[in-house]
Amino acid sequence: MSYDQINPDHYKKFGTEVWQQMIALYGAEKYLAFCELNAFKYRMRAGLKPGQPAQQDIEKALWYEEQIKSLIGKGKQRG
């Protein structure tokens, strides 16, 4: 079994995923902003972090961008 660099099992340790806990604690608006900023961060550093291929950061950015699309699609849009 290989280690999931994008969404590892330790993010799911407490019964719900960390991103679900973030929404519950801070709300969808703040979580959407978090996702936007993380996607930007991962795209900006793609290929620059020693020992990590650019594709890994791009995949992380894409994961956050999918989170944004999913939440907006479920009607948790910005007010």
PDB file of N, CA and C in Angstrom:
ATOM      1  N   MET A   1       0.852  -1.193   0.000  1.00  0.00           N
ATOM      2  CA  MET A   1       0.000   0.000   0.000  1.00  0.00           C
ATOM      3  C   MET A   1       0.888   1.243   0.000  1.00  0.00           C
ATOM      4  N   SER A   2       0.658   2.126  -0.945  1.00  0.00           N
ATOM      5  CA  SER A   2       1.478   3.328  -1.026  1.00  0.00           C
ATOM      6  C   SER A   2       0.832   4.470  -0.232  1.00  0.00           C
ATOM      7  N   TYR A   3       1.662   5.399   0.148  1.00  0.00           N
ATOM      8  CA  TYR A   3       1.220   6.560   0.926  1.00  0.00           C
ATOM      9  C   TYR A   3       0.558   7.570   0.002  1.00  0.00           C
ATOM     10  N   ASP A   4      -0.625   8.013   0.351  1.00  0.00           N
ATOM     11  CA  ASP A   4      -1.354   9.014  -0.429  1.00  0.00           C
ATOM     12  C   ASP A   4      -0.823  10.399  -0.057  1.00  0.00           C
ATOM     13  N   GLN A   5      -0.049  10.988  -0.954  1.00  0.00           N
ATOM     14  CA  GLN A   5       0.546  12.306  -0.697  1.00  0.00           C
ATOM     15  C   GLN A   5      -0.485  13.426  -0.744  1.00  0.00           C
ATOM     16  N   ILE A   6      -1.604  13.199  -1.386  1.00  0.00           N
ATOM     17  CA  ILE A   6      -2.601  14.253  -1.576  1.00  0.00           C
ATOM     18  C   ILE A   6      -3.584  14.321  -0.407  1.00  0.00           C
ATOM     19  N   ASN A   7      -4.125  13.196   0.001  1.00  0.00           N
ATOM     20  CA  ASN A   7      -5.112  13.159   1.083  1.00  0.00           C
ATOM     21  C   ASN A   7      -4.837  11.931   1.953  1.00  0.00           C
ATOM     22  N   PRO A   8      -3.773  11.988   2.766  1.00  0.00           N
ATOM     23  CA  PRO A   8      -3.359  10.808   3.531  1.00  0.00           C
ATOM     24  C   PRO A   8      -4.364  10.399   4.606  1.00  0.00           C
ATOM     25  N   ASP A   9      -4.238   9.146   5.025  1.00  0.00           N
ATOM     26  CA  ASP A   9      -5.162   8.587   6.007  1.00  0.00           C
ATOM     27  C   ASP A   9      -5.188   9.354   7.323  1.00  0.00           C
ATOM     28  N   HIS A  10      -4.076   9.958   7.726  1.00  0.00           N
ATOM     29  CA  HIS A  10      -4.094  10.672   9.004  1.00  0.00           C
ATOM     30  C   HIS A  10      -4.992  11.909   8.962  1.00  0.00           C
ATOM     31  N   TYR A  11      -5.432  12.331   7.769  1.00  0.00           N
ATOM     32  CA  TYR A  11      -6.401  13.417   7.662  1.00  0.00           C
ATOM     33  C   TYR A  11      -7.815  12.925   7.977  1.00  0.00           C
ATOM     34  N   LYS A  12      -7.978  11.617   8.097  1.00  0.00           N
ATOM     35  CA  LYS A  12      -9.296  11.010   8.316  1.00  0.00           C
ATOM     36  C   LYS A  12      -9.375  10.322   9.673  1.00  0.00           C
ATOM     37  N   LYS A  13      -8.485  10.666  10.550  1.00  0.00           N
ATOM     38  CA  LYS A  13      -8.297   9.945  11.804  1.00  0.00           C
ATOM     39  C   LYS A  13      -9.486  10.027  12.774  1.00  0.00           C
ATOM     40  N   PHE A  14     -10.227  11.090  12.773  1.00  0.00           N
ATOM     41  CA  PHE A  14     -11.237  11.315  13.806  1.00  0.00           C
ATOM     42  C   PHE A  14     -12.672  11.123  13.323  1.00  0.00           C
ATOM     43  N   GLY A  15     -12.878  10.206  12.398  1.00  0.00           N
ATOM     44  CA  GLY A  15     -14.230   9.890  11.957  1.00  0.00           C
ATOM     45  C   GLY A  15     -14.716  10.704  10.778  1.00  0.00           C
ATOM     46  N   THR A  16     -14.260  11.913  10.654  1.00  0.00           N
ATOM     47  CA  THR A  16     -14.544  12.734   9.481  1.00  0.00           C
ATOM     48  C   THR A  16     -13.217  13.308   9.003  1.00  0.00           C
ATOM     49  N   GLU A  17     -13.193  13.677   7.749  1.00  0.00           N
ATOM     50  CA  GLU A  17     -11.961  14.223   7.215  1.00  0.00           C
ATOM     51  C   GLU A  17     -11.731  15.631   7.767  1.00  0.00           C
ATOM     52  N   VAL A  18     -10.475  16.037   7.767  1.00  0.00           N
ATOM     53  CA  VAL A  18     -10.108  17.347   8.310  1.00  0.00           C
ATOM     54  C   VAL A  18     -10.878  18.465   7.606  1.00  0.00           C
ATOM     55  N   TRP A  19     -11.044  18.357   6.297  1.00  0.00           N
ATOM     56  CA  TRP A  19     -11.748  19.420   5.581  1.00  0.00           C
ATOM     57  C   TRP A  19     -13.203  19.521   6.038  1.00  0.00           C
ATOM     58  N   GLN A  20     -13.828  18.400   6.378  1.00  0.00           N
ATOM     59  CA  GLN A  20     -15.196  18.431   6.877  1.00  0.00           C
ATOM     60  C   GLN A  20     -15.253  19.096   8.245  1.00  0.00           C
ATOM     61  N   GLN A  21     -14.263  18.830   9.068  1.00  0.00           N
ATOM     62  CA  GLN A  21     -14.190  19.461  10.383  1.00  0.00           C
ATOM     63  C   GLN A  21     -13.985  20.970  10.246  1.00  0.00           C
ATOM     64  N   MET A  22     -13.174  21.367   9.258  1.00  0.00           N
ATOM     65  CA  MET A  22     -12.939  22.794   9.028  1.00  0.00           C
ATOM     66  C   MET A  22     -14.236  23.512   8.671  1.00  0.00           C
ATOM     67  N   ILE A  23     -15.042  22.904   7.811  1.00  0.00           N
ATOM     68  CA  ILE A  23     -16.324  23.512   7.442  1.00  0.00           C
ATOM     69  C   ILE A  23     -17.228  23.619   8.659  1.00  0.00           C
ATOM     70  N   ALA A  24     -17.276  22.557   9.453  1.00  0.00           N
ATOM     71  CA  ALA A  24     -18.133  22.565  10.640  1.00  0.00           C
ATOM     72  C   ALA A  24     -17.706  23.640  11.637  1.00  0.00           C
ATOM     73  N   LEU A  25     -16.408  23.821  11.784  1.00  0.00           N
ATOM     74  CA  LEU A  25     -15.899  24.791  12.768  1.00  0.00           C
ATOM     75  C   LEU A  25     -15.864  26.226  12.263  1.00  0.00           C
ATOM     76  N   TYR A  26     -15.495  26.405  10.994  1.00  0.00           N
ATOM     77  CA  TYR A  26     -15.235  27.756  10.485  1.00  0.00           C
ATOM     78  C   TYR A  26     -16.199  28.217   9.402  1.00  0.00           C
ATOM     79  N   GLY A  27     -16.993  27.297   8.861  1.00  0.00           N
ATOM     80  CA  GLY A  27     -17.954  27.647   7.816  1.00  0.00           C
ATOM     81  C   GLY A  27     -17.392  27.473   6.416  1.00  0.00           C
ATOM     82  N   ALA A  28     -18.314  27.308   5.470  1.00  0.00           N
ATOM     83  CA  ALA A  28     -17.943  27.053   4.083  1.00  0.00           C
ATOM     84  C   ALA A  28     -17.207  28.228   3.455  1.00  0.00           C
ATOM     85  N   GLU A  29     -17.591  29.434   3.797  1.00  0.00           N
ATOM     86  CA  GLU A  29     -16.950  30.637   3.225  1.00  0.00           C
ATOM     87  C   GLU A  29     -15.450  30.648   3.505  1.00  0.00           C
ATOM     88  N   LYS A  30     -15.084  30.426   4.735  1.00  0.00           N
ATOM     89  CA  LYS A  30     -13.662  30.424   5.087  1.00  0.00           C
ATOM     90  C   LYS A  30     -12.948  29.223   4.486  1.00  0.00           C
ATOM     91  N   TYR A  31     -13.631  28.090   4.440  1.00  0.00           N
ATOM     92  CA  TYR A  31     -13.005  26.913   3.846  1.00  0.00           C
ATOM     93  C   TYR A  31     -12.765  27.120   2.353  1.00  0.00           C
ATOM     94  N   LEU A  32     -13.702  27.754   1.656  1.00  0.00           N
ATOM     95  CA  LEU A  32     -13.500  28.040   0.237  1.00  0.00           C
ATOM     96  C   LEU A  32     -12.283  28.939   0.029  1.00  0.00           C
ATOM     97  N   ALA A  33     -12.132  29.944   0.860  1.00  0.00           N
ATOM     98  CA  ALA A  33     -10.963  30.827   0.761  1.00  0.00           C
ATOM     99  C   ALA A  33      -9.679  30.044   1.032  1.00  0.00           C
ATOM    100  N   PHE A  34      -9.716  29.166   2.020  1.00  0.00           N
ATOM    101  CA  PHE A  34      -8.575  28.310   2.334  1.00  0.00           C
ATOM    102  C   PHE A  34      -8.194  27.473   1.116  1.00  0.00           C
ATOM    103  N   CYS A  35      -9.187  26.898   0.459  1.00  0.00           N
ATOM    104  CA  CYS A  35      -8.935  26.071  -0.720  1.00  0.00           C
ATOM    105  C   CYS A  35      -8.328  26.896  -1.852  1.00  0.00           C
ATOM    106  N   GLU A  36      -8.857  28.081  -2.080  1.00  0.00           N
ATOM    107  CA  GLU A  36      -8.321  28.944  -3.131  1.00  0.00           C
ATOM    108  C   GLU A  36      -6.854  29.284  -2.868  1.00  0.00           C
ATOM    109  N   LEU A  37      -6.557  29.631  -1.641  1.00  0.00           N
ATOM    110  CA  LEU A  37      -5.188  30.003  -1.294  1.00  0.00           C
ATOM    111  C   LEU A  37      -4.245  28.809  -1.368  1.00  0.00           C
ATOM    112  N   ASN A  38      -4.700  27.649  -0.933  1.00  0.00           N
ATOM    113  CA  ASN A  38      -3.851  26.460  -1.018  1.00  0.00           C
ATOM    114  C   ASN A  38      -3.613  26.064  -2.468  1.00  0.00           C
ATOM    115  N   ALA A  39      -4.629  26.124  -3.308  1.00  0.00           N
ATOM    116  CA  ALA A  39      -4.447  25.805  -4.726  1.00  0.00           C
ATOM    117  C   ALA A  39      -3.408  26.745  -5.332  1.00  0.00           C
ATOM    118  N   PHE A  40      -3.502  28.012  -5.018  1.00  0.00           N
ATOM    119  CA  PHE A  40      -2.531  28.998  -5.508  1.00  0.00           C
ATOM    120  C   PHE A  40      -1.128  28.659  -5.017  1.00  0.00           C
ATOM    121  N   LYS A  41      -0.999  28.368  -3.732  1.00  0.00           N
ATOM    122  CA  LYS A  41       0.301  28.037  -3.137  1.00  0.00           C
ATOM    123  C   LYS A  41       0.931  26.844  -3.839  1.00  0.00           C
ATOM    124  N   TYR A  42       0.172  25.784  -4.006  1.00  0.00           N
ATOM    125  CA  TYR A  42       0.735  24.578  -4.614  1.00  0.00           C
ATOM    126  C   TYR A  42       1.118  24.804  -6.071  1.00  0.00           C
ATOM    127  N   ARG A  43       0.350  25.600  -6.793  1.00  0.00           N
ATOM    128  CA  ARG A  43       0.714  25.899  -8.180  1.00  0.00           C
ATOM    129  C   ARG A  43       1.980  26.753  -8.237  1.00  0.00           C
ATOM    130  N   MET A  44       2.110  27.692  -7.327  1.00  0.00           N
ATOM    131  CA  MET A  44       3.279  28.579  -7.332  1.00  0.00           C
ATOM    132  C   MET A  44       4.568  27.854  -6.961  1.00  0.00           C
ATOM    133  N   ARG A  45       4.484  26.842  -6.139  1.00  0.00           N
ATOM    134  CA  ARG A  45       5.706  26.154  -5.713  1.00  0.00           C
ATOM    135  C   ARG A  45       5.961  24.858  -6.478  1.00  0.00           C
ATOM    136  N   ALA A  46       5.104  24.525  -7.428  1.00  0.00           N
ATOM    137  CA  ALA A  46       5.235  23.270  -8.176  1.00  0.00           C
ATOM    138  C   ALA A  46       6.637  23.144  -8.762  1.00  0.00           C
ATOM    139  N   GLY A  47       7.292  22.056  -8.417  1.00  0.00           N
ATOM    140  CA  GLY A  47       8.620  21.775  -8.928  1.00  0.00           C
ATOM    141  C   GLY A  47       9.754  22.469  -8.201  1.00  0.00           C
ATOM    142  N   LEU A  48       9.441  23.254  -7.185  1.00  0.00           N
ATOM    143  CA  LEU A  48      10.471  24.009  -6.477  1.00  0.00           C
ATOM    144  C   LEU A  48      10.850  23.414  -5.129  1.00  0.00           C
ATOM    145  N   LYS A  49      10.025  22.528  -4.602  1.00  0.00           N
ATOM    146  CA  LYS A  49      10.296  21.928  -3.298  1.00  0.00           C
ATOM    147  C   LYS A  49      11.238  20.739  -3.485  1.00  0.00           C
ATOM    148  N   PRO A  50      12.385  20.766  -2.819  1.00  0.00           N
ATOM    149  CA  PRO A  50      13.367  19.686  -3.005  1.00  0.00           C
ATOM    150  C   PRO A  50      12.774  18.312  -2.715  1.00  0.00           C
ATOM    151  N   GLY A  51      13.063  17.383  -3.607  1.00  0.00           N
ATOM    152  CA  GLY A  51      12.646  16.002  -3.404  1.00  0.00           C
ATOM    153  C   GLY A  51      11.210  15.699  -3.771  1.00  0.00           C
ATOM    154  N   GLN A  52      10.478  16.697  -4.261  1.00  0.00           N
ATOM    155  CA  GLN A  52       9.084  16.455  -4.647  1.00  0.00           C
ATOM    156  C   GLN A  52       8.881  16.872  -6.101  1.00  0.00           C
ATOM    157  N   PRO A  53       8.304  15.984  -6.895  1.00  0.00           N
ATOM    158  CA  PRO A  53       8.063  16.334  -8.300  1.00  0.00           C
ATOM    159  C   PRO A  53       6.978  17.401  -8.424  1.00  0.00           C
ATOM    160  N   ALA A  54       7.059  18.179  -9.473  1.00  0.00           N
ATOM    161  CA  ALA A  54       6.067  19.228  -9.725  1.00  0.00           C
ATOM    162  C   ALA A  54       4.662  18.646  -9.785  1.00  0.00           C
ATOM    163  N   GLN A  55       4.532  17.453 -10.361  1.00  0.00           N
ATOM    164  CA  GLN A  55       3.216  16.839 -10.519  1.00  0.00           C
ATOM    165  C   GLN A  55       2.514  16.650  -9.177  1.00  0.00           C
ATOM    166  N   GLN A  56       3.264  16.377  -8.125  1.00  0.00           N
ATOM    167  CA  GLN A  56       2.651  16.190  -6.809  1.00  0.00           C
ATOM    168  C   GLN A  56       1.979  17.478  -6.335  1.00  0.00           C
ATOM    169  N   ASP A  57       2.636  18.602  -6.519  1.00  0.00           N
ATOM    170  CA  ASP A  57       2.031  19.875  -6.124  1.00  0.00           C
ATOM    171  C   ASP A  57       0.846  20.218  -7.024  1.00  0.00           C
ATOM    172  N   ILE A  58       0.944  19.910  -8.303  1.00  0.00           N
ATOM    173  CA  ILE A  58      -0.181  20.153  -9.213  1.00  0.00           C
ATOM    174  C   ILE A  58      -1.374  19.310  -8.792  1.00  0.00           C
ATOM    175  N   GLU A  59      -1.142  18.063  -8.418  1.00  0.00           N
ATOM    176  CA  GLU A  59      -2.238  17.203  -7.960  1.00  0.00           C
ATOM    177  C   GLU A  59      -2.873  17.747  -6.685  1.00  0.00           C
ATOM    178  N   LYS A  60      -2.076  18.302  -5.801  1.00  0.00           N
ATOM    179  CA  LYS A  60      -2.630  18.910  -4.587  1.00  0.00           C
ATOM    180  C   LYS A  60      -3.472  20.124  -4.950  1.00  0.00           C
ATOM    181  N   ALA A  61      -2.981  20.945  -5.869  1.00  0.00           N
ATOM    182  CA  ALA A  61      -3.746  22.117  -6.313  1.00  0.00           C
ATOM    183  C   ALA A  61      -5.069  21.675  -6.923  1.00  0.00           C
ATOM    184  N   LEU A  62      -5.022  20.657  -7.757  1.00  0.00           N
ATOM    185  CA  LEU A  62      -6.246  20.151  -8.382  1.00  0.00           C
ATOM    186  C   LEU A  62      -7.232  19.616  -7.342  1.00  0.00           C
ATOM    187  N   TRP A  63      -6.728  18.982  -6.284  1.00  0.00           N
ATOM    188  CA  TRP A  63      -7.594  18.482  -5.227  1.00  0.00           C
ATOM    189  C   TRP A  63      -8.354  19.641  -4.580  1.00  0.00           C
ATOM    190  N   TYR A  64      -7.651  20.720  -4.276  1.00  0.00           N
ATOM    191  CA  TYR A  64      -8.311  21.885  -3.677  1.00  0.00           C
ATOM    192  C   TYR A  64      -9.277  22.543  -4.655  1.00  0.00           C
ATOM    193  N   GLU A  65      -8.923  22.590  -5.917  1.00  0.00           N
ATOM    194  CA  GLU A  65      -9.820  23.171  -6.912  1.00  0.00           C
ATOM    195  C   GLU A  65     -11.086  22.335  -7.069  1.00  0.00           C
ATOM    196  N   GLU A  66     -10.974  21.029  -6.956  1.00  0.00           N
ATOM    197  CA  GLU A  66     -12.159  20.165  -6.987  1.00  0.00           C
ATOM    198  C   GLU A  66     -13.027  20.391  -5.757  1.00  0.00           C
ATOM    199  N   GLN A  67     -12.416  20.621  -4.616  1.00  0.00           N
ATOM    200  CA  GLN A  67     -13.176  20.930  -3.403  1.00  0.00           C
ATOM    201  C   GLN A  67     -14.007  22.193  -3.617  1.00  0.00           C
ATOM    202  N   ILE A  68     -13.411  23.192  -4.223  1.00  0.00           N
ATOM    203  CA  ILE A  68     -14.123  24.456  -4.491  1.00  0.00           C
ATOM    204  C   ILE A  68     -15.323  24.188  -5.390  1.00  0.00           C
ATOM    205  N   LYS A  69     -15.099  23.491  -6.493  1.00  0.00           N
ATOM    206  CA  LYS A  69     -16.192  23.185  -7.435  1.00  0.00           C
ATOM    207  C   LYS A  69     -17.301  22.394  -6.752  1.00  0.00           C
ATOM    208  N   SER A  70     -16.915  21.440  -5.951  1.00  0.00           N
ATOM    209  CA  SER A  70     -17.895  20.596  -5.266  1.00  0.00           C
ATOM    210  C   SER A  70     -18.750  21.402  -4.306  1.00  0.00           C
ATOM    211  N   LEU A  71     -18.122  22.227  -3.504  1.00  0.00           N
ATOM    212  CA  LEU A  71     -18.876  23.027  -2.528  1.00  0.00           C
ATOM    213  C   LEU A  71     -19.768  24.041  -3.192  1.00  0.00           C
ATOM    214  N   ILE A  72     -19.274  24.682  -4.229  1.00  0.00           N
ATOM    215  CA  ILE A  72     -20.089  25.661  -4.939  1.00  0.00           C
ATOM    216  C   ILE A  72     -21.251  24.956  -5.619  1.00  0.00           C
ATOM    217  N   GLY A  73     -20.996  23.774  -6.148  1.00  0.00           N
ATOM    218  CA  GLY A  73     -22.052  22.990  -6.794  1.00  0.00           C
ATOM    219  C   GLY A  73     -23.135  22.542  -5.829  1.00  0.00           C
ATOM    220  N   LYS A  74     -22.779  22.397  -4.556  1.00  0.00           N
ATOM    221  CA  LYS A  74     -23.758  21.989  -3.531  1.00  0.00           C
ATOM    222  C   LYS A  74     -24.484  23.188  -2.926  1.00  0.00           C
ATOM    223  N   GLY A  75     -24.242  24.364  -3.478  1.00  0.00           N
ATOM    224  CA  GLY A  75     -24.958  25.551  -3.024  1.00  0.00           C
ATOM    225  C   GLY A  75     -24.322  26.259  -1.846  1.00  0.00           C
ATOM    226  N   LYS A  76     -23.112  25.870  -1.477  1.00  0.00           N
ATOM    227  CA  LYS A  76     -22.437  26.547  -0.364  1.00  0.00           C
ATOM    228  C   LYS A  76     -21.593  27.677  -0.951  1.00  0.00           C
ATOM    229  N   GLN A  77     -22.305  28.590  -1.590  1.00  0.00           N
ATOM    230  CA  GLN A  77     -21.640  29.691  -2.278  1.00  0.00           C
ATOM    231  C   GLN A  77     -21.394  30.854  -1.348  1.00  0.00           C
ATOM    232  N   ARG A  78     -20.604  31.726  -1.814  1.00  0.00           N
ATOM    233  CA  ARG A  78     -20.269  32.914  -1.032  1.00  0.00           C
ATOM    234  C   ARG A  78     -21.450  33.861  -0.982  1.00  0.00           C
ATOM    235  N   GLY A  79     -21.578  34.482   0.153  1.00  0.00           N
ATOM    236  CA  GLY A  79     -22.704  35.380   0.371  1.00  0.00           C
ATOM    237  C   GLY A  79     -22.462  36.688  -0.087  1.00  0.00           C
TER     238      GLY A  79
END
